[in-house]
């Protein structure tokens, strides 16, 4: 179960970063929806990854 949380959290971070890259390459500005949603997704994934890894220490 722990490995699934780590994998899904890492995928959320990567998906968020990919959303930001695609939005910027398409010409989106700093307040474009894709950048905001990508940042939120990356932050949520990284926070969940942090909590999962921290919990077992």
PDB file of N, CA and C in Angstrom:
ATOM      1  N   UNK A   1       0.827  -1.200   0.000  1.00  0.00           N
ATOM      2  CA  UNK A   1       0.000   0.000   0.000  1.00  0.00           C
ATOM      3  C   UNK A   1       0.868   1.260   0.000  1.00  0.00           C
ATOM      4  N   UNK A   2       1.977   1.205   0.746  1.00  0.00           N
ATOM      5  CA  UNK A   2       2.865   2.360   0.818  1.00  0.00           C
ATOM      6  C   UNK A   2       3.481   2.647  -0.543  1.00  0.00           C
ATOM      7  N   UNK A   3       3.869   1.579  -1.257  1.00  0.00           N
ATOM      8  CA  UNK A   3       4.473   1.772  -2.574  1.00  0.00           C
ATOM      9  C   UNK A   3       3.482   2.385  -3.551  1.00  0.00           C
ATOM     10  N   UNK A   4       2.227   2.020  -3.456  1.00  0.00           N
ATOM     11  CA  UNK A   4       1.205   2.601  -4.328  1.00  0.00           C
ATOM     12  C   UNK A   4       1.047   4.093  -4.055  1.00  0.00           C
ATOM     13  N   UNK A   5       1.090   4.488  -2.793  1.00  0.00           N
ATOM     14  CA  UNK A   5       0.987   5.912  -2.453  1.00  0.00           C
ATOM     15  C   UNK A   5       2.164   6.689  -3.004  1.00  0.00           C
ATOM     16  N   UNK A   6       3.361   6.100  -2.908  1.00  0.00           N
ATOM     17  CA  UNK A   6       4.552   6.777  -3.407  1.00  0.00           C
ATOM     18  C   UNK A   6       4.481   6.930  -4.923  1.00  0.00           C
ATOM     19  N   UNK A   7       4.074   5.872  -5.606  1.00  0.00           N
ATOM     20  CA  UNK A   7       3.995   5.918  -7.070  1.00  0.00           C
ATOM     21  C   UNK A   7       2.940   6.917  -7.524  1.00  0.00           C
ATOM     22  N   UNK A   8       1.765   6.886  -6.918  1.00  0.00           N
ATOM     23  CA  UNK A   8       0.697   7.809  -7.326  1.00  0.00           C
ATOM     24  C   UNK A   8       1.049   9.258  -7.002  1.00  0.00           C
ATOM     25  N   UNK A   9       1.726   9.481  -5.894  1.00  0.00           N
ATOM     26  CA  UNK A   9       2.149  10.838  -5.550  1.00  0.00           C
ATOM     27  C   UNK A   9       3.176  11.350  -6.545  1.00  0.00           C
ATOM     28  N   UNK A  10       4.129  10.492  -6.898  1.00  0.00           N
ATOM     29  CA  UNK A  10       5.140  10.891  -7.883  1.00  0.00           C
ATOM     30  C   UNK A  10       4.495  11.155  -9.244  1.00  0.00           C
ATOM     31  N   UNK A  11       3.510  10.350  -9.621  1.00  0.00           N
ATOM     32  CA  UNK A  11       2.807  10.580 -10.883  1.00  0.00           C
ATOM     33  C   UNK A  11       2.040  11.900 -10.864  1.00  0.00           C
ATOM     34  N   UNK A  12       1.468  12.255  -9.729  1.00  0.00           N
ATOM     35  CA  UNK A  12       0.753  13.529  -9.615  1.00  0.00           C
ATOM     36  C   UNK A  12       1.725  14.699  -9.787  1.00  0.00           C
ATOM     37  N   UNK A  13       2.903  14.577  -9.196  1.00  0.00           N
ATOM     38  CA  UNK A  13       3.908  15.632  -9.347  1.00  0.00           C
ATOM     39  C   UNK A  13       4.323  15.759 -10.812  1.00  0.00           C
ATOM     40  N   UNK A  14       4.605  14.627 -11.452  1.00  0.00           N
ATOM     41  CA  UNK A  14       5.013  14.658 -12.853  1.00  0.00           C
ATOM     42  C   UNK A  14       3.912  15.182 -13.763  1.00  0.00           C
ATOM     43  N   UNK A  15       2.680  14.795 -13.495  1.00  0.00           N
ATOM     44  CA  UNK A  15       1.561  15.285 -14.294  1.00  0.00           C
ATOM     45  C   UNK A  15       1.383  16.794 -14.128  1.00  0.00           C
ATOM     46  N   UNK A  16       1.543  17.280 -12.908  1.00  0.00           N
ATOM     47  CA  UNK A  16       1.450  18.719 -12.668  1.00  0.00           C
ATOM     48  C   UNK A  16       2.533  19.484 -13.398  1.00  0.00           C
ATOM     49  N   UNK A  17       3.766  18.959 -13.351  1.00  0.00           N
ATOM     50  CA  UNK A  17       4.862  19.622 -14.051  1.00  0.00           C
ATOM     51  C   UNK A  17       4.668  19.565 -15.564  1.00  0.00           C
ATOM     52  N   UNK A  18       4.170  18.445 -16.061  1.00  0.00           N
ATOM     53  CA  UNK A  18       3.910  18.329 -17.495  1.00  0.00           C
ATOM     54  C   UNK A  18       2.822  19.303 -17.932  1.00  0.00           C
ATOM     55  N   UNK A  19       1.815  19.498 -17.104  1.00  0.00           N
ATOM     56  CA  UNK A  19       0.753  20.455 -17.418  1.00  0.00           C
ATOM     57  C   UNK A  19       1.313  21.868 -17.502  1.00  0.00           C
ATOM     58  N   UNK A  20       2.211  22.199 -16.600  1.00  0.00           N
ATOM     59  CA  UNK A  20       2.834  23.526 -16.623  1.00  0.00           C
ATOM     60  C   UNK A  20       3.665  23.705 -17.893  1.00  0.00           C
ATOM     61  N   UNK A  21       4.449  22.686 -18.245  1.00  0.00           N
ATOM     62  CA  UNK A  21       5.301  22.777 -19.432  1.00  0.00           C
ATOM     63  C   UNK A  21       4.457  22.927 -20.701  1.00  0.00           C
ATOM     64  N   UNK A  22       3.390  22.142 -20.811  1.00  0.00           N
ATOM     65  CA  UNK A  22       2.530  22.227 -21.996  1.00  0.00           C
ATOM     66  C   UNK A  22       1.853  23.589 -22.078  1.00  0.00           C
ATOM     67  N   UNK A  23       1.429  24.112 -20.951  1.00  0.00           N
ATOM     68  CA  UNK A  23       0.762  25.416 -20.941  1.00  0.00           C
ATOM     69  C   UNK A  23       1.720  26.527 -21.341  1.00  0.00           C
ATOM     70  N   UNK A  24       2.943  26.476 -20.817  1.00  0.00           N
ATOM     71  CA  UNK A  24       3.924  27.503 -21.161  1.00  0.00           C
ATOM     72  C   UNK A  24       4.312  27.402 -22.631  1.00  0.00           C
ATOM     73  N   UNK A  25       4.476  26.184 -23.131  1.00  0.00           N
ATOM     74  CA  UNK A  25       4.858  26.028 -24.534  1.00  0.00           C
ATOM     75  C   UNK A  25       3.742  26.452 -25.481  1.00  0.00           C
ATOM     76  N   UNK A  26       2.514  26.414 -25.014  1.00  0.00           N
ATOM     77  CA  UNK A  26       1.385  26.855 -25.839  1.00  0.00           C
ATOM     78  C   UNK A  26       1.170  28.363 -25.749  1.00  0.00           C
ATOM     79  N   UNK A  27       1.993  29.048 -24.950  1.00  0.00           N
ATOM     80  CA  UNK A  27       1.902  30.493 -24.867  1.00  0.00           C
ATOM     81  C   UNK A  27       1.077  31.006 -23.710  1.00  0.00           C
ATOM     82  N   UNK A  28       0.816  30.157 -22.708  1.00  0.00           N
ATOM     83  CA  UNK A  28       0.043  30.590 -21.548  1.00  0.00           C
ATOM     84  C   UNK A  28       0.820  31.549 -20.671  1.00  0.00           C
ATOM     85  N   UNK A  29       0.138  32.515 -20.124  1.00  0.00           N
ATOM     86  CA  UNK A  29       0.770  33.490 -19.245  1.00  0.00           C
ATOM     87  C   UNK A  29       0.883  32.955 -17.816  1.00  0.00           C
ATOM     88  N   UNK A  30       1.334  33.813 -16.928  1.00  0.00           N
ATOM     89  CA  UNK A  30       1.580  33.409 -15.542  1.00  0.00           C
ATOM     90  C   UNK A  30       0.300  33.023 -14.806  1.00  0.00           C
ATOM     91  N   UNK A  31      -0.826  33.557 -15.226  1.00  0.00           N
ATOM     92  CA  UNK A  31      -2.082  33.250 -14.547  1.00  0.00           C
ATOM     93  C   UNK A  31      -2.987  32.346 -15.383  1.00  0.00           C
ATOM     94  N   UNK A  32      -2.412  31.644 -16.329  1.00  0.00           N
ATOM     95  CA  UNK A  32      -3.209  30.727 -17.154  1.00  0.00           C
ATOM     96  C   UNK A  32      -3.724  29.582 -16.290  1.00  0.00           C
ATOM     97  N   UNK A  33      -4.866  29.055 -16.669  1.00  0.00           N
ATOM     98  CA  UNK A  33      -5.479  27.969 -15.911  1.00  0.00           C
ATOM     99  C   UNK A  33      -4.578  26.746 -15.798  1.00  0.00           C
ATOM    100  N   UNK A  34      -3.887  26.412 -16.881  1.00  0.00           N
ATOM    101  CA  UNK A  34      -3.016  25.243 -16.885  1.00  0.00           C
ATOM    102  C   UNK A  34      -1.861  25.368 -15.904  1.00  0.00           C
ATOM    103  N   UNK A  35      -1.334  26.568 -15.777  1.00  0.00           N
ATOM    104  CA  UNK A  35      -0.228  26.781 -14.837  1.00  0.00           C
ATOM    105  C   UNK A  35      -0.741  26.672 -13.411  1.00  0.00           C
ATOM    106  N   UNK A  36      -1.882  27.271 -13.146  1.00  0.00           N
ATOM    107  CA  UNK A  36      -2.418  27.223 -11.788  1.00  0.00           C
ATOM    108  C   UNK A  36      -2.805  25.797 -11.391  1.00  0.00           C
ATOM    109  N   UNK A  37      -3.485  25.091 -12.285  1.00  0.00           N
ATOM    110  CA  UNK A  37      -3.877  23.717 -11.979  1.00  0.00           C
ATOM    111  C   UNK A  37      -2.666  22.794 -11.887  1.00  0.00           C
ATOM    112  N   UNK A  38      -1.689  22.996 -12.754  1.00  0.00           N
ATOM    113  CA  UNK A  38      -0.472  22.196 -12.696  1.00  0.00           C
ATOM    114  C   UNK A  38       0.297  22.424 -11.403  1.00  0.00           C
ATOM    115  N   UNK A  39       0.363  23.666 -10.967  1.00  0.00           N
ATOM    116  CA  UNK A  39       1.062  23.975  -9.727  1.00  0.00           C
ATOM    117  C   UNK A  39       0.351  23.358  -8.524  1.00  0.00           C
ATOM    118  N   UNK A  40      -0.970  23.429  -8.517  1.00  0.00           N
ATOM    119  CA  UNK A  40      -1.736  22.838  -7.417  1.00  0.00           C
ATOM    120  C   UNK A  40      -1.546  21.323  -7.387  1.00  0.00           C
ATOM    121  N   UNK A  41      -1.603  20.697  -8.553  1.00  0.00           N
ATOM    122  CA  UNK A  41      -1.430  19.243  -8.634  1.00  0.00           C
ATOM    123  C   UNK A  41      -0.025  18.833  -8.193  1.00  0.00           C
ATOM    124  N   UNK A  42       0.985  19.562  -8.636  1.00  0.00           N
ATOM    125  CA  UNK A  42       2.363  19.249  -8.247  1.00  0.00           C
ATOM    126  C   UNK A  42       2.567  19.454  -6.749  1.00  0.00           C
ATOM    127  N   UNK A  43       2.006  20.508  -6.193  1.00  0.00           N
ATOM    128  CA  UNK A  43       2.147  20.760  -4.753  1.00  0.00           C
ATOM    129  C   UNK A  43       1.422  19.711  -3.921  1.00  0.00           C
ATOM    130  N   UNK A  44       0.230  19.332  -4.353  1.00  0.00           N
ATOM    131  CA  UNK A  44      -0.505  18.309  -3.608  1.00  0.00           C
ATOM    132  C   UNK A  44       0.216  16.963  -3.663  1.00  0.00           C
ATOM    133  N   UNK A  45       0.735  16.604  -4.827  1.00  0.00           N
ATOM    134  CA  UNK A  45       1.468  15.355  -4.954  1.00  0.00           C
ATOM    135  C   UNK A  45       2.738  15.345  -4.132  1.00  0.00           C
ATOM    136  N   UNK A  46       3.461  16.459  -4.138  1.00  0.00           N
ATOM    137  CA  UNK A  46       4.699  16.507  -3.374  1.00  0.00           C
ATOM    138  C   UNK A  46       4.427  16.509  -1.871  1.00  0.00           C
ATOM    139  N   UNK A  47       3.343  17.152  -1.446  1.00  0.00           N
ATOM    140  CA  UNK A  47       3.006  17.142  -0.024  1.00  0.00           C
ATOM    141  C   UNK A  47       2.591  15.751   0.428  1.00  0.00           C
ATOM    142  N   UNK A  48       1.820  15.062  -0.406  1.00  0.00           N
ATOM    143  CA  UNK A  48       1.428  13.694  -0.061  1.00  0.00           C
ATOM    144  C   UNK A  48       2.640  12.768  -0.033  1.00  0.00           C
ATOM    145  N   UNK A  49       3.556  12.958  -0.971  1.00  0.00           N
ATOM    146  CA  UNK A  49       4.787  12.170  -0.990  1.00  0.00           C
ATOM    147  C   UNK A  49       5.615  12.437   0.258  1.00  0.00           C
ATOM    148  N   UNK A  50       5.704  13.695   0.645  1.00  0.00           N
ATOM    149  CA  UNK A  50       6.431  14.073   1.856  1.00  0.00           C
ATOM    150  C   UNK A  50       5.811  13.417   3.092  1.00  0.00           C
ATOM    151  N   UNK A  51       4.499  13.481   3.205  1.00  0.00           N
ATOM    152  CA  UNK A  51       3.835  12.890   4.367  1.00  0.00           C
ATOM    153  C   UNK A  51       3.977  11.373   4.390  1.00  0.00           C
ATOM    154  N   UNK A  52       3.919  10.732   3.231  1.00  0.00           N
ATOM    155  CA  UNK A  52       4.073   9.284   3.164  1.00  0.00           C
ATOM    156  C   UNK A  52       5.456   8.859   3.588  1.00  0.00           C
ATOM    157  N   UNK A  53       6.468   9.567   3.111  1.00  0.00           N
ATOM    158  CA  UNK A  53       7.847   9.210   3.450  1.00  0.00           C
ATOM    159  C   UNK A  53       8.177   9.584   4.895  1.00  0.00           C
ATOM    160  N   UNK A  54       7.612  10.660   5.376  1.00  0.00           N
ATOM    161  CA  UNK A  54       7.879  11.118   6.734  1.00  0.00           C
ATOM    162  C   UNK A  54       7.218  10.222   7.780  1.00  0.00           C
ATOM    163  N   UNK A  55       6.077   9.644   7.429  1.00  0.00           N
ATOM    164  CA  UNK A  55       5.292   8.848   8.369  1.00  0.00           C
ATOM    165  C   UNK A  55       6.057   7.631   8.871  1.00  0.00           C
ATOM    166  N   UNK A  56       6.892   7.040   8.029  1.00  0.00           N
ATOM    167  CA  UNK A  56       7.607   5.826   8.406  1.00  0.00           C
ATOM    168  C   UNK A  56       8.929   6.072   9.104  1.00  0.00           C
ATOM    169  N   UNK A  57       9.332   7.334   9.214  1.00  0.00           N
ATOM    170  CA  UNK A  57      10.629   7.618   9.852  1.00  0.00           C
ATOM    171  C   UNK A  57      10.492   7.618  11.344  1.00  0.00           C
TER     172      UNK A  57
END
